[in-house]
């Protein structure tokens, strides 16, 4: 008895060119939640890029915190290790971040995040945590600090809060969320500008086959 393979309800990758699959109008037609290979690529790239960008920002902020400590009179022996470690992390993260530019993940590659998935969500998360810290921190600081000119006190407090809390919160919450939220737009823009990335995506289009979880190559 001859076995007949079922026909897929979705168009094959070869039914459109790469540019047609990446057309924003096609993305609108299928909605933002439909699964596709291009969206799998964009989301995985954005997740990895967000991770390394977060490490880059954290390393850079460690250098800034070390400089702030030096500025307020902390000895170099106490602040230099923070700056050195932060600088090493920032350089390493920058190298890995640059490597993501031409990276096309294998089919089935996915990353999960429990953080915010957009710039607005990252700002809200960072502001909420910063506000919760200030509820307990500011009254304690005000009650324990010796009297001094208000302007100097406010300036010093703001500088310490920004270096110790705000910059790390932005690094962990805001930067990755902003990158993840624009991952698909970024892939479309970079594919238009980077011929090597476009060629890698074209090779993927030619060789890719539909999967249960990802039935179509596009839209993006």
N, C-alpha and C. Protein backbone atom coordinates (compact mmCIF):
# COMPACT_ATOMS: atom_id res chain seq x y z
N UNK A 1 0.85 -1.20 0.00
CA UNK A 1 0.00 0.00 0.00
C UNK A 1 0.89 1.25 0.00
N UNK A 2 0.60 2.17 -0.88
CA UNK A 2 1.41 3.39 -0.98
C UNK A 2 1.05 4.36 0.14
N UNK A 3 2.11 4.89 0.80
CA UNK A 3 1.90 5.85 1.88
C UNK A 3 1.97 7.25 1.32
N UNK A 4 0.96 8.03 1.61
CA UNK A 4 0.89 9.40 1.10
C UNK A 4 1.24 10.36 2.23
N UNK A 5 2.29 11.17 2.00
CA UNK A 5 2.70 12.14 3.01
C UNK A 5 1.71 13.31 3.03
N UNK A 6 1.36 13.79 4.21
CA UNK A 6 0.44 14.92 4.29
C UNK A 6 1.08 16.18 3.70
N UNK A 7 0.26 17.00 3.08
CA UNK A 7 0.74 18.25 2.51
C UNK A 7 0.67 19.34 3.57
N UNK A 8 1.77 20.10 3.71
CA UNK A 8 1.80 21.16 4.70
C UNK A 8 0.85 22.28 4.32
N UNK A 9 0.18 22.82 5.31
CA UNK A 9 -0.74 23.94 5.07
C UNK A 9 0.00 25.26 4.93
N UNK A 10 1.32 25.24 5.19
CA UNK A 10 2.10 26.47 5.16
C UNK A 10 2.99 26.50 3.91
N UNK A 11 3.22 27.67 3.35
CA UNK A 11 4.06 27.76 2.14
C UNK A 11 5.51 27.40 2.47
N UNK A 12 6.20 26.73 1.55
CA UNK A 12 7.61 26.39 1.78
C UNK A 12 8.49 27.63 1.74
N UNK A 13 9.71 27.49 2.25
CA UNK A 13 10.63 28.63 2.29
C UNK A 13 10.97 29.13 0.90
N UNK A 14 10.93 28.22 -0.09
CA UNK A 14 11.28 28.60 -1.45
C UNK A 14 10.17 29.36 -2.17
N UNK A 15 9.01 29.49 -1.53
CA UNK A 15 7.88 30.15 -2.20
C UNK A 15 8.04 31.66 -2.25
N UNK A 16 8.94 32.21 -1.44
CA UNK A 16 9.21 33.64 -1.45
C UNK A 16 10.71 33.87 -1.36
N UNK A 17 11.14 35.02 -1.82
CA UNK A 17 12.54 35.41 -1.64
C UNK A 17 12.75 35.84 -0.20
N UNK A 18 14.02 35.99 0.18
CA UNK A 18 14.32 36.44 1.53
C UNK A 18 13.72 37.82 1.80
N UNK A 19 13.84 38.71 0.83
CA UNK A 19 13.29 40.06 1.00
C UNK A 19 11.77 40.02 1.17
N UNK A 20 11.11 39.14 0.44
CA UNK A 20 9.65 39.04 0.57
C UNK A 20 9.26 38.47 1.93
N UNK A 21 10.02 37.49 2.43
CA UNK A 21 9.72 36.94 3.75
C UNK A 21 9.92 37.99 4.85
N UNK A 22 10.84 38.91 4.63
CA UNK A 22 11.16 39.91 5.65
C UNK A 22 10.34 41.19 5.49
N UNK A 23 9.44 41.22 4.56
CA UNK A 23 8.60 42.40 4.32
C UNK A 23 7.74 42.70 5.55
N UNK A 24 7.80 43.92 6.08
CA UNK A 24 6.99 44.26 7.26
C UNK A 24 5.49 44.04 7.05
N UNK A 25 5.01 44.22 5.81
CA UNK A 25 3.59 44.02 5.54
C UNK A 25 3.18 42.57 5.78
N UNK A 26 4.05 41.64 5.46
CA UNK A 26 3.76 40.23 5.70
C UNK A 26 3.71 39.93 7.20
N UNK A 27 4.59 40.59 7.96
CA UNK A 27 4.60 40.41 9.40
C UNK A 27 3.29 40.89 10.02
N UNK A 28 2.78 42.01 9.54
CA UNK A 28 1.51 42.54 10.03
C UNK A 28 0.37 41.59 9.69
N UNK A 29 0.43 41.01 8.51
CA UNK A 29 -0.63 40.11 8.06
C UNK A 29 -0.74 38.87 8.94
N UNK A 30 0.38 38.36 9.39
CA UNK A 30 0.38 37.13 10.19
C UNK A 30 0.33 37.38 11.70
N UNK A 31 0.46 38.63 12.14
CA UNK A 31 0.41 38.92 13.56
C UNK A 31 1.76 38.72 14.23
N UNK A 32 1.92 39.32 15.40
CA UNK A 32 3.21 39.32 16.09
C UNK A 32 3.51 38.01 16.80
N UNK A 33 2.51 37.17 17.05
CA UNK A 33 2.71 35.97 17.85
C UNK A 33 2.94 34.70 17.04
N UNK A 34 2.74 34.74 15.73
CA UNK A 34 2.94 33.53 14.93
C UNK A 34 4.41 33.16 14.90
N UNK A 35 4.69 31.85 14.86
CA UNK A 35 6.06 31.36 14.91
C UNK A 35 6.63 31.23 13.50
N UNK A 36 7.88 31.62 13.35
CA UNK A 36 8.57 31.46 12.07
C UNK A 36 10.06 31.33 12.32
N UNK A 37 10.75 30.81 11.33
CA UNK A 37 12.20 30.64 11.44
C UNK A 37 12.89 32.00 11.56
N UNK A 38 12.48 32.97 10.78
CA UNK A 38 13.10 34.29 10.86
C UNK A 38 12.91 34.91 12.24
N UNK A 39 11.74 34.73 12.82
CA UNK A 39 11.51 35.27 14.16
C UNK A 39 12.30 34.50 15.20
N UNK A 40 12.49 33.20 14.99
CA UNK A 40 13.34 32.41 15.87
C UNK A 40 14.76 32.95 15.83
N UNK A 41 15.25 33.25 14.63
CA UNK A 41 16.60 33.81 14.48
C UNK A 41 16.69 35.18 15.16
N UNK A 42 15.72 36.04 14.89
CA UNK A 42 15.76 37.39 15.44
C UNK A 42 15.69 37.37 16.96
N UNK A 43 14.81 36.55 17.51
CA UNK A 43 14.65 36.51 18.97
C UNK A 43 15.89 35.95 19.64
N UNK A 44 16.48 34.89 19.07
CA UNK A 44 17.69 34.30 19.67
C UNK A 44 18.85 35.27 19.61
N UNK A 45 19.01 35.96 18.48
CA UNK A 45 20.07 36.96 18.35
C UNK A 45 19.87 38.10 19.36
N UNK A 46 18.62 38.52 19.53
CA UNK A 46 18.34 39.62 20.45
C UNK A 46 18.60 39.20 21.89
N UNK A 47 18.24 37.97 22.24
CA UNK A 47 18.49 37.48 23.59
C UNK A 47 19.98 37.46 23.89
N UNK A 48 20.75 36.90 22.95
CA UNK A 48 22.20 36.82 23.18
C UNK A 48 22.82 38.21 23.19
N UNK A 49 22.39 39.06 22.28
CA UNK A 49 22.92 40.42 22.24
C UNK A 49 22.56 41.18 23.52
N UNK A 50 21.33 40.99 24.00
CA UNK A 50 20.94 41.66 25.24
C UNK A 50 21.77 41.20 26.41
N UNK A 51 22.10 39.90 26.45
CA UNK A 51 22.91 39.37 27.55
C UNK A 51 24.29 40.01 27.55
N UNK A 52 24.96 40.02 26.37
CA UNK A 52 26.31 40.57 26.33
C UNK A 52 26.30 42.08 26.51
N UNK A 53 25.26 42.75 26.03
CA UNK A 53 25.17 44.19 26.24
C UNK A 53 25.00 44.52 27.72
N UNK A 54 24.27 43.64 28.43
CA UNK A 54 24.11 43.83 29.87
C UNK A 54 25.44 43.69 30.59
N UNK A 55 26.22 42.67 30.22
CA UNK A 55 27.54 42.50 30.82
C UNK A 55 28.47 43.67 30.48
N UNK A 56 28.37 44.15 29.24
CA UNK A 56 29.18 45.31 28.85
C UNK A 56 28.84 46.52 29.69
N UNK A 57 27.54 46.75 29.90
CA UNK A 57 27.12 47.90 30.70
C UNK A 57 27.50 47.73 32.17
N UNK A 58 27.40 46.49 32.68
CA UNK A 58 27.77 46.25 34.08
C UNK A 58 29.27 46.46 34.28
N UNK A 59 30.08 45.96 33.33
CA UNK A 59 31.51 46.17 33.43
C UNK A 59 31.87 47.64 33.37
N UNK A 60 31.22 48.36 32.47
CA UNK A 60 31.48 49.79 32.35
C UNK A 60 31.04 50.54 33.61
N UNK A 61 29.89 50.13 34.16
CA UNK A 61 29.41 50.79 35.37
C UNK A 61 30.33 50.51 36.56
N UNK A 62 30.96 49.33 36.57
CA UNK A 62 31.92 49.05 37.64
C UNK A 62 33.11 50.00 37.57
N UNK A 63 33.54 50.30 36.34
CA UNK A 63 34.63 51.27 36.18
C UNK A 63 34.17 52.65 36.67
N UNK A 64 32.94 53.02 36.34
CA UNK A 64 32.41 54.32 36.78
C UNK A 64 32.32 54.38 38.30
N UNK A 65 31.84 53.28 38.91
CA UNK A 65 31.73 53.24 40.37
C UNK A 65 33.11 53.38 41.00
N UNK A 66 34.12 52.72 40.39
CA UNK A 66 35.48 52.85 40.91
C UNK A 66 35.97 54.29 40.84
N UNK A 67 35.65 54.98 39.76
CA UNK A 67 36.04 56.38 39.63
C UNK A 67 35.32 57.25 40.65
N UNK A 68 34.05 56.95 40.90
CA UNK A 68 33.30 57.69 41.91
C UNK A 68 33.91 57.49 43.29
N UNK A 69 34.30 56.26 43.59
CA UNK A 69 34.93 55.98 44.89
C UNK A 69 36.23 56.76 45.03
N UNK A 70 37.00 56.82 43.95
CA UNK A 70 38.22 57.62 43.99
C UNK A 70 37.91 59.09 44.22
N UNK A 71 36.83 59.58 43.58
CA UNK A 71 36.48 60.99 43.69
C UNK A 71 36.04 61.37 45.10
N UNK A 72 35.42 60.44 45.82
CA UNK A 72 34.95 60.75 47.17
C UNK A 72 35.99 60.43 48.24
N UNK A 73 37.19 60.02 47.80
CA UNK A 73 38.28 59.84 48.76
C UNK A 73 38.61 58.42 49.14
N UNK A 74 37.98 57.43 48.54
CA UNK A 74 38.32 56.04 48.84
C UNK A 74 39.69 55.73 48.25
N UNK A 75 40.48 54.96 48.97
CA UNK A 75 41.85 54.66 48.53
C UNK A 75 41.84 53.89 47.22
N UNK A 76 42.89 54.08 46.44
CA UNK A 76 42.99 53.39 45.16
C UNK A 76 43.07 51.88 45.32
N UNK A 77 43.64 51.41 46.44
CA UNK A 77 43.73 49.96 46.67
C UNK A 77 42.35 49.33 46.82
N UNK A 78 41.37 50.12 47.25
CA UNK A 78 40.01 49.60 47.41
C UNK A 78 39.18 49.76 46.13
N UNK A 79 39.47 50.80 45.35
CA UNK A 79 38.65 51.07 44.16
C UNK A 79 39.23 50.48 42.88
N UNK A 80 40.54 50.31 42.81
CA UNK A 80 41.17 49.80 41.59
C UNK A 80 40.71 48.39 41.22
N UNK A 81 40.58 47.45 42.17
CA UNK A 81 40.09 46.11 41.79
C UNK A 81 38.74 46.15 41.10
N UNK A 82 37.84 47.02 41.59
CA UNK A 82 36.53 47.16 40.95
C UNK A 82 36.67 47.65 39.51
N UNK A 83 37.55 48.58 39.29
CA UNK A 83 37.76 49.13 37.96
C UNK A 83 38.40 48.11 37.03
N UNK A 84 39.39 47.37 37.53
CA UNK A 84 40.10 46.40 36.70
C UNK A 84 39.17 45.27 36.28
N UNK A 85 38.45 44.70 37.26
CA UNK A 85 37.52 43.61 36.95
C UNK A 85 36.42 44.10 36.00
N UNK A 86 35.89 45.28 36.27
CA UNK A 86 34.86 45.83 35.39
C UNK A 86 35.37 46.06 33.99
N UNK A 87 36.61 46.54 33.87
CA UNK A 87 37.18 46.75 32.54
C UNK A 87 37.36 45.46 31.77
N UNK A 88 37.81 44.40 32.46
CA UNK A 88 37.98 43.09 31.80
C UNK A 88 36.64 42.56 31.32
N UNK A 89 35.62 42.66 32.18
CA UNK A 89 34.28 42.19 31.80
C UNK A 89 33.75 42.97 30.61
N UNK A 90 33.95 44.28 30.62
CA UNK A 90 33.44 45.12 29.53
C UNK A 90 34.12 44.77 28.20
N UNK A 91 35.44 44.56 28.22
CA UNK A 91 36.15 44.23 26.99
C UNK A 91 35.70 42.87 26.46
N UNK A 92 35.63 41.87 27.35
CA UNK A 92 35.22 40.53 26.93
C UNK A 92 33.79 40.55 26.38
N UNK A 93 32.88 41.24 27.07
CA UNK A 93 31.50 41.32 26.62
C UNK A 93 31.41 42.04 25.28
N UNK A 94 32.23 43.07 25.08
CA UNK A 94 32.23 43.77 23.81
C UNK A 94 32.65 42.88 22.65
N UNK A 95 33.63 42.01 22.89
CA UNK A 95 34.07 41.08 21.85
C UNK A 95 32.98 40.07 21.51
N UNK A 96 32.36 39.52 22.54
CA UNK A 96 31.27 38.56 22.30
C UNK A 96 30.08 39.25 21.62
N UNK A 97 29.82 40.48 22.01
CA UNK A 97 28.71 41.23 21.42
C UNK A 97 28.95 41.46 19.92
N UNK A 98 30.19 41.76 19.57
CA UNK A 98 30.52 41.96 18.15
C UNK A 98 30.34 40.67 17.37
N UNK A 99 30.57 39.52 18.01
CA UNK A 99 30.44 38.24 17.32
C UNK A 99 29.00 37.87 17.00
N UNK A 100 28.04 38.49 17.68
CA UNK A 100 26.63 38.18 17.44
C UNK A 100 26.16 38.73 16.09
N UNK A 101 26.85 39.71 15.58
CA UNK A 101 26.38 40.42 14.39
C UNK A 101 26.17 39.49 13.20
N UNK A 102 27.08 38.55 12.97
CA UNK A 102 26.94 37.65 11.84
C UNK A 102 26.43 36.27 12.21
N UNK A 103 25.94 36.11 13.43
CA UNK A 103 25.54 34.80 13.93
C UNK A 103 24.11 34.46 13.52
N UNK A 104 23.93 33.27 12.95
CA UNK A 104 22.60 32.75 12.64
C UNK A 104 22.43 31.46 13.43
N UNK A 105 21.56 31.42 14.43
CA UNK A 105 21.42 30.25 15.28
C UNK A 105 20.87 29.05 14.52
N UNK A 106 21.18 27.87 15.02
CA UNK A 106 20.67 26.65 14.42
C UNK A 106 19.16 26.54 14.66
N UNK A 107 18.45 25.83 13.79
CA UNK A 107 17.01 25.63 14.02
C UNK A 107 16.74 25.00 15.38
N UNK A 108 15.74 25.50 16.06
CA UNK A 108 15.40 25.00 17.38
C UNK A 108 16.08 25.74 18.51
N UNK A 109 17.01 26.64 18.19
CA UNK A 109 17.70 27.43 19.21
C UNK A 109 16.75 28.47 19.79
N UNK A 110 16.61 28.47 21.08
CA UNK A 110 15.74 29.45 21.72
C UNK A 110 16.29 29.79 23.09
N UNK A 111 15.99 30.98 23.54
CA UNK A 111 16.40 31.45 24.85
C UNK A 111 15.16 31.95 25.59
N UNK A 112 15.14 31.72 26.88
CA UNK A 112 14.01 32.18 27.69
C UNK A 112 14.49 33.27 28.63
N UNK A 113 13.66 34.27 28.84
CA UNK A 113 13.98 35.32 29.78
C UNK A 113 12.76 35.61 30.65
N UNK A 114 13.02 35.88 31.91
CA UNK A 114 11.94 36.26 32.82
C UNK A 114 11.93 37.77 33.05
N UNK A 115 12.80 38.46 32.34
CA UNK A 115 12.85 39.90 32.47
C UNK A 115 11.88 40.57 31.52
N UNK A 116 11.98 41.89 31.48
CA UNK A 116 11.11 42.66 30.59
C UNK A 116 11.49 42.40 29.14
N UNK A 117 10.48 42.47 28.27
CA UNK A 117 10.71 42.22 26.86
C UNK A 117 10.59 43.45 25.99
N UNK A 118 10.58 44.61 26.60
CA UNK A 118 10.49 45.85 25.85
C UNK A 118 11.14 46.97 26.65
N UNK A 119 11.43 48.08 25.97
CA UNK A 119 12.06 49.21 26.66
C UNK A 119 11.17 49.74 27.77
N UNK A 120 9.86 49.88 27.50
CA UNK A 120 8.95 50.37 28.53
C UNK A 120 8.91 49.46 29.74
N UNK A 121 8.87 48.15 29.50
CA UNK A 121 8.86 47.20 30.61
C UNK A 121 10.15 47.26 31.42
N UNK A 122 11.29 47.42 30.73
CA UNK A 122 12.56 47.53 31.44
C UNK A 122 12.63 48.78 32.30
N UNK A 123 12.13 49.90 31.77
CA UNK A 123 12.13 51.14 32.55
C UNK A 123 11.25 51.02 33.78
N UNK A 124 10.09 50.40 33.62
CA UNK A 124 9.19 50.23 34.76
C UNK A 124 9.82 49.34 35.83
N UNK A 125 10.46 48.23 35.40
CA UNK A 125 11.09 47.32 36.34
C UNK A 125 12.22 48.02 37.10
N UNK A 126 13.07 48.75 36.37
CA UNK A 126 14.19 49.43 37.02
C UNK A 126 13.69 50.51 37.96
N UNK A 127 12.68 51.29 37.53
CA UNK A 127 12.15 52.36 38.38
C UNK A 127 11.49 51.79 39.63
N UNK A 128 10.81 50.66 39.51
CA UNK A 128 10.14 50.06 40.66
C UNK A 128 11.15 49.61 41.71
N UNK A 129 12.21 48.94 41.24
CA UNK A 129 13.23 48.47 42.19
C UNK A 129 13.97 49.65 42.81
N UNK A 130 14.29 50.66 41.99
CA UNK A 130 14.97 51.85 42.50
C UNK A 130 14.11 52.56 43.54
N UNK A 131 12.81 52.66 43.27
CA UNK A 131 11.91 53.29 44.23
C UNK A 131 11.81 52.51 45.53
N UNK A 132 11.75 51.16 45.43
CA UNK A 132 11.68 50.34 46.62
C UNK A 132 12.94 50.48 47.48
N UNK A 133 14.10 50.58 46.83
CA UNK A 133 15.35 50.76 47.57
C UNK A 133 15.36 52.11 48.28
N UNK A 134 14.89 53.15 47.59
CA UNK A 134 14.92 54.49 48.18
C UNK A 134 13.98 54.63 49.37
N UNK A 135 12.91 53.85 49.39
CA UNK A 135 11.98 53.92 50.53
C UNK A 135 12.70 53.66 51.84
N UNK A 136 13.66 52.71 51.80
CA UNK A 136 14.39 52.36 53.02
C UNK A 136 15.74 53.07 53.10
N UNK A 137 16.33 53.39 51.96
CA UNK A 137 17.69 53.93 51.96
C UNK A 137 17.76 55.41 52.30
N UNK A 138 16.92 56.21 51.65
CA UNK A 138 17.03 57.66 51.82
C UNK A 138 16.78 58.11 53.26
N UNK A 139 15.71 57.62 53.95
CA UNK A 139 15.52 58.06 55.34
C UNK A 139 16.71 57.69 56.23
N UNK A 140 17.30 56.51 56.00
CA UNK A 140 18.44 56.10 56.81
C UNK A 140 19.64 57.01 56.56
N UNK A 141 19.86 57.37 55.32
CA UNK A 141 21.00 58.24 54.99
C UNK A 141 20.80 59.63 55.58
N UNK A 142 19.58 60.15 55.43
CA UNK A 142 19.31 61.50 55.92
C UNK A 142 19.45 61.58 57.43
N UNK A 143 18.99 60.55 58.12
CA UNK A 143 19.03 60.57 59.58
C UNK A 143 20.42 60.35 60.15
N UNK A 144 21.32 59.78 59.36
CA UNK A 144 22.64 59.46 59.89
C UNK A 144 23.74 60.40 59.41
N UNK A 145 23.45 61.27 58.50
CA UNK A 145 24.46 62.17 57.94
C UNK A 145 24.57 63.43 58.80
N UNK A 146 25.80 63.89 59.00
CA UNK A 146 26.00 65.14 59.75
C UNK A 146 25.47 66.31 58.95
N UNK A 147 25.03 67.36 59.65
CA UNK A 147 24.52 68.54 58.94
C UNK A 147 25.58 69.11 58.00
N UNK A 148 25.19 69.45 56.81
CA UNK A 148 26.06 70.07 55.81
C UNK A 148 25.19 70.82 54.82
N UNK A 149 25.78 71.65 54.01
CA UNK A 149 24.98 72.41 53.03
C UNK A 149 24.11 71.48 52.20
N UNK A 150 22.87 71.86 52.02
CA UNK A 150 21.88 71.01 51.35
C UNK A 150 22.32 70.67 49.93
N UNK A 151 22.89 71.62 49.23
CA UNK A 151 23.29 71.37 47.85
C UNK A 151 24.37 70.30 47.76
N UNK A 152 25.34 70.36 48.67
CA UNK A 152 26.41 69.37 48.68
C UNK A 152 25.86 68.00 49.04
N UNK A 153 24.96 67.96 50.01
CA UNK A 153 24.37 66.69 50.42
C UNK A 153 23.57 66.07 49.28
N UNK A 154 22.73 66.87 48.64
CA UNK A 154 21.92 66.34 47.54
C UNK A 154 22.79 65.90 46.37
N UNK A 155 23.81 66.69 46.08
CA UNK A 155 24.69 66.33 44.97
C UNK A 155 25.44 65.03 45.23
N UNK A 156 25.99 64.91 46.44
CA UNK A 156 26.72 63.68 46.77
C UNK A 156 25.80 62.47 46.81
N UNK A 157 24.61 62.63 47.36
CA UNK A 157 23.66 61.54 47.43
C UNK A 157 23.23 61.10 46.03
N UNK A 158 22.95 62.08 45.18
CA UNK A 158 22.54 61.74 43.82
C UNK A 158 23.65 61.01 43.08
N UNK A 159 24.90 61.45 43.27
CA UNK A 159 26.03 60.81 42.60
C UNK A 159 26.18 59.37 43.05
N UNK A 160 26.07 59.13 44.35
CA UNK A 160 26.21 57.77 44.87
C UNK A 160 25.05 56.89 44.42
N UNK A 161 23.83 57.42 44.45
CA UNK A 161 22.68 56.63 44.03
C UNK A 161 22.78 56.26 42.56
N UNK A 162 23.21 57.23 41.73
CA UNK A 162 23.33 56.95 40.30
C UNK A 162 24.38 55.89 40.03
N UNK A 163 25.53 56.01 40.68
CA UNK A 163 26.63 55.08 40.40
C UNK A 163 26.37 53.70 40.98
N UNK A 164 25.78 53.62 42.16
CA UNK A 164 25.62 52.34 42.84
C UNK A 164 24.33 51.62 42.45
N UNK A 165 23.27 52.37 42.18
CA UNK A 165 21.97 51.74 41.94
C UNK A 165 21.44 51.95 40.52
N UNK A 166 21.40 53.20 40.07
CA UNK A 166 20.73 53.49 38.80
C UNK A 166 21.44 52.83 37.63
N UNK A 167 22.75 52.99 37.53
CA UNK A 167 23.49 52.43 36.39
C UNK A 167 23.38 50.90 36.34
N UNK A 168 23.59 50.18 37.46
CA UNK A 168 23.39 48.72 37.39
C UNK A 168 21.96 48.33 37.04
N UNK A 169 20.97 49.05 37.55
CA UNK A 169 19.58 48.73 37.21
C UNK A 169 19.33 48.92 35.72
N UNK A 170 19.87 49.99 35.16
CA UNK A 170 19.72 50.20 33.72
C UNK A 170 20.42 49.08 32.96
N UNK A 171 21.60 48.68 33.45
CA UNK A 171 22.36 47.63 32.77
C UNK A 171 21.62 46.31 32.76
N UNK A 172 20.98 45.97 33.86
CA UNK A 172 20.34 44.66 34.00
C UNK A 172 18.94 44.63 33.40
N UNK A 173 18.19 45.72 33.53
CA UNK A 173 16.78 45.70 33.13
C UNK A 173 16.50 46.46 31.83
N UNK A 174 16.98 47.67 31.73
CA UNK A 174 16.57 48.53 30.62
C UNK A 174 17.26 48.14 29.31
N UNK A 175 18.58 47.99 29.34
CA UNK A 175 19.32 47.73 28.11
C UNK A 175 18.91 46.41 27.47
N UNK A 176 18.90 45.26 28.20
CA UNK A 176 18.46 44.02 27.54
C UNK A 176 17.03 44.09 27.04
N UNK A 177 16.14 44.70 27.82
CA UNK A 177 14.75 44.79 27.40
C UNK A 177 14.60 45.58 26.11
N UNK A 178 15.35 46.68 26.00
CA UNK A 178 15.28 47.50 24.79
C UNK A 178 15.79 46.72 23.58
N UNK A 179 16.86 45.95 23.75
CA UNK A 179 17.41 45.17 22.65
C UNK A 179 16.47 44.04 22.24
N UNK A 180 15.91 43.34 23.22
CA UNK A 180 14.99 42.23 22.93
C UNK A 180 13.73 42.75 22.25
N UNK A 181 13.23 43.88 22.71
CA UNK A 181 12.00 44.42 22.14
C UNK A 181 12.14 44.84 20.68
N UNK A 182 13.36 45.14 20.24
CA UNK A 182 13.58 45.57 18.86
C UNK A 182 14.35 44.53 18.06
N UNK A 183 14.36 43.29 18.54
CA UNK A 183 15.15 42.25 17.89
C UNK A 183 14.78 42.00 16.45
N UNK A 184 13.50 41.94 16.13
CA UNK A 184 13.05 41.67 14.76
C UNK A 184 13.33 42.85 13.85
N UNK A 185 13.09 44.03 14.35
CA UNK A 185 13.39 45.23 13.56
C UNK A 185 14.89 45.32 13.29
N UNK A 186 15.71 44.96 14.29
CA UNK A 186 17.16 45.02 14.13
C UNK A 186 17.64 44.03 13.10
N UNK A 187 17.09 42.81 13.10
CA UNK A 187 17.49 41.82 12.10
C UNK A 187 17.15 42.30 10.70
N UNK A 188 15.99 42.87 10.52
CA UNK A 188 15.59 43.38 9.20
C UNK A 188 16.54 44.48 8.74
N UNK A 189 16.87 45.40 9.64
CA UNK A 189 17.76 46.51 9.27
C UNK A 189 19.17 46.01 8.97
N UNK A 190 19.69 45.10 9.79
CA UNK A 190 21.05 44.62 9.59
C UNK A 190 21.16 43.75 8.34
N UNK A 191 20.12 42.99 8.03
CA UNK A 191 20.15 42.18 6.81
C UNK A 191 20.19 43.05 5.57
N UNK A 192 19.59 44.23 5.64
CA UNK A 192 19.62 45.15 4.51
C UNK A 192 20.99 45.80 4.33
N UNK A 193 21.72 45.95 5.43
CA UNK A 193 23.00 46.66 5.39
C UNK A 193 24.21 45.73 5.33
N UNK A 194 24.09 44.54 5.87
CA UNK A 194 25.21 43.61 5.97
C UNK A 194 25.03 42.47 4.97
N UNK A 195 25.83 42.47 3.93
CA UNK A 195 25.70 41.44 2.89
C UNK A 195 26.06 40.06 3.41
N UNK A 196 26.99 39.98 4.36
CA UNK A 196 27.36 38.67 4.90
C UNK A 196 26.21 38.06 5.70
N UNK A 197 25.53 38.88 6.48
CA UNK A 197 24.38 38.38 7.22
C UNK A 197 23.27 37.99 6.27
N UNK A 198 23.03 38.80 5.24
CA UNK A 198 22.00 38.48 4.27
C UNK A 198 22.31 37.16 3.56
N UNK A 199 23.58 36.92 3.24
CA UNK A 199 23.97 35.68 2.59
C UNK A 199 23.76 34.48 3.52
N UNK A 200 24.06 34.66 4.81
CA UNK A 200 23.84 33.58 5.78
C UNK A 200 22.35 33.26 5.92
N UNK A 201 21.52 34.28 5.92
CA UNK A 201 20.08 34.07 6.00
C UNK A 201 19.55 33.39 4.73
N UNK A 202 20.13 33.75 3.59
CA UNK A 202 19.73 33.13 2.34
C UNK A 202 20.10 31.65 2.32
N UNK A 203 21.27 31.31 2.82
CA UNK A 203 21.67 29.89 2.91
C UNK A 203 20.74 29.14 3.84
N UNK A 204 20.33 29.80 4.92
CA UNK A 204 19.40 29.17 5.85
C UNK A 204 18.05 28.95 5.19
N UNK A 205 17.59 29.91 4.40
CA UNK A 205 16.30 29.77 3.71
C UNK A 205 16.31 28.57 2.76
N UNK A 206 17.42 28.39 2.06
CA UNK A 206 17.50 27.31 1.08
C UNK A 206 17.54 25.94 1.76
N UNK A 207 18.19 25.85 2.92
CA UNK A 207 18.38 24.55 3.57
C UNK A 207 17.35 24.23 4.63
N UNK A 208 16.58 25.21 5.06
CA UNK A 208 15.68 25.02 6.20
C UNK A 208 14.44 24.22 5.80
N UNK A 209 13.97 23.39 6.74
CA UNK A 209 12.72 22.67 6.55
C UNK A 209 11.77 22.94 7.68
N UNK A 210 10.45 22.88 7.44
CA UNK A 210 9.47 23.19 8.49
C UNK A 210 9.53 22.21 9.65
N UNK A 211 9.23 22.71 10.83
CA UNK A 211 9.18 21.91 12.05
C UNK A 211 7.82 22.08 12.71
N UNK A 212 7.53 21.22 13.65
CA UNK A 212 6.21 21.26 14.31
C UNK A 212 6.03 22.61 15.01
N UNK A 213 7.03 23.05 15.75
CA UNK A 213 6.89 24.30 16.51
C UNK A 213 7.08 25.52 15.64
N UNK A 214 7.82 25.38 14.52
CA UNK A 214 8.11 26.50 13.63
C UNK A 214 7.73 26.08 12.22
N UNK A 215 6.49 26.28 11.79
CA UNK A 215 6.02 25.72 10.52
C UNK A 215 6.40 26.53 9.29
N UNK A 216 6.77 27.81 9.45
CA UNK A 216 7.07 28.65 8.27
C UNK A 216 8.44 29.30 8.42
N UNK A 217 9.04 29.61 7.28
CA UNK A 217 10.33 30.33 7.32
C UNK A 217 10.12 31.79 7.72
N UNK A 218 9.10 32.41 7.22
CA UNK A 218 8.76 33.78 7.56
C UNK A 218 7.33 33.83 8.07
N UNK A 219 6.85 34.95 8.44
CA UNK A 219 7.42 36.30 8.29
C UNK A 219 8.36 36.68 9.40
N UNK A 220 8.96 37.86 9.28
CA UNK A 220 9.79 38.41 10.33
C UNK A 220 8.98 39.46 11.11
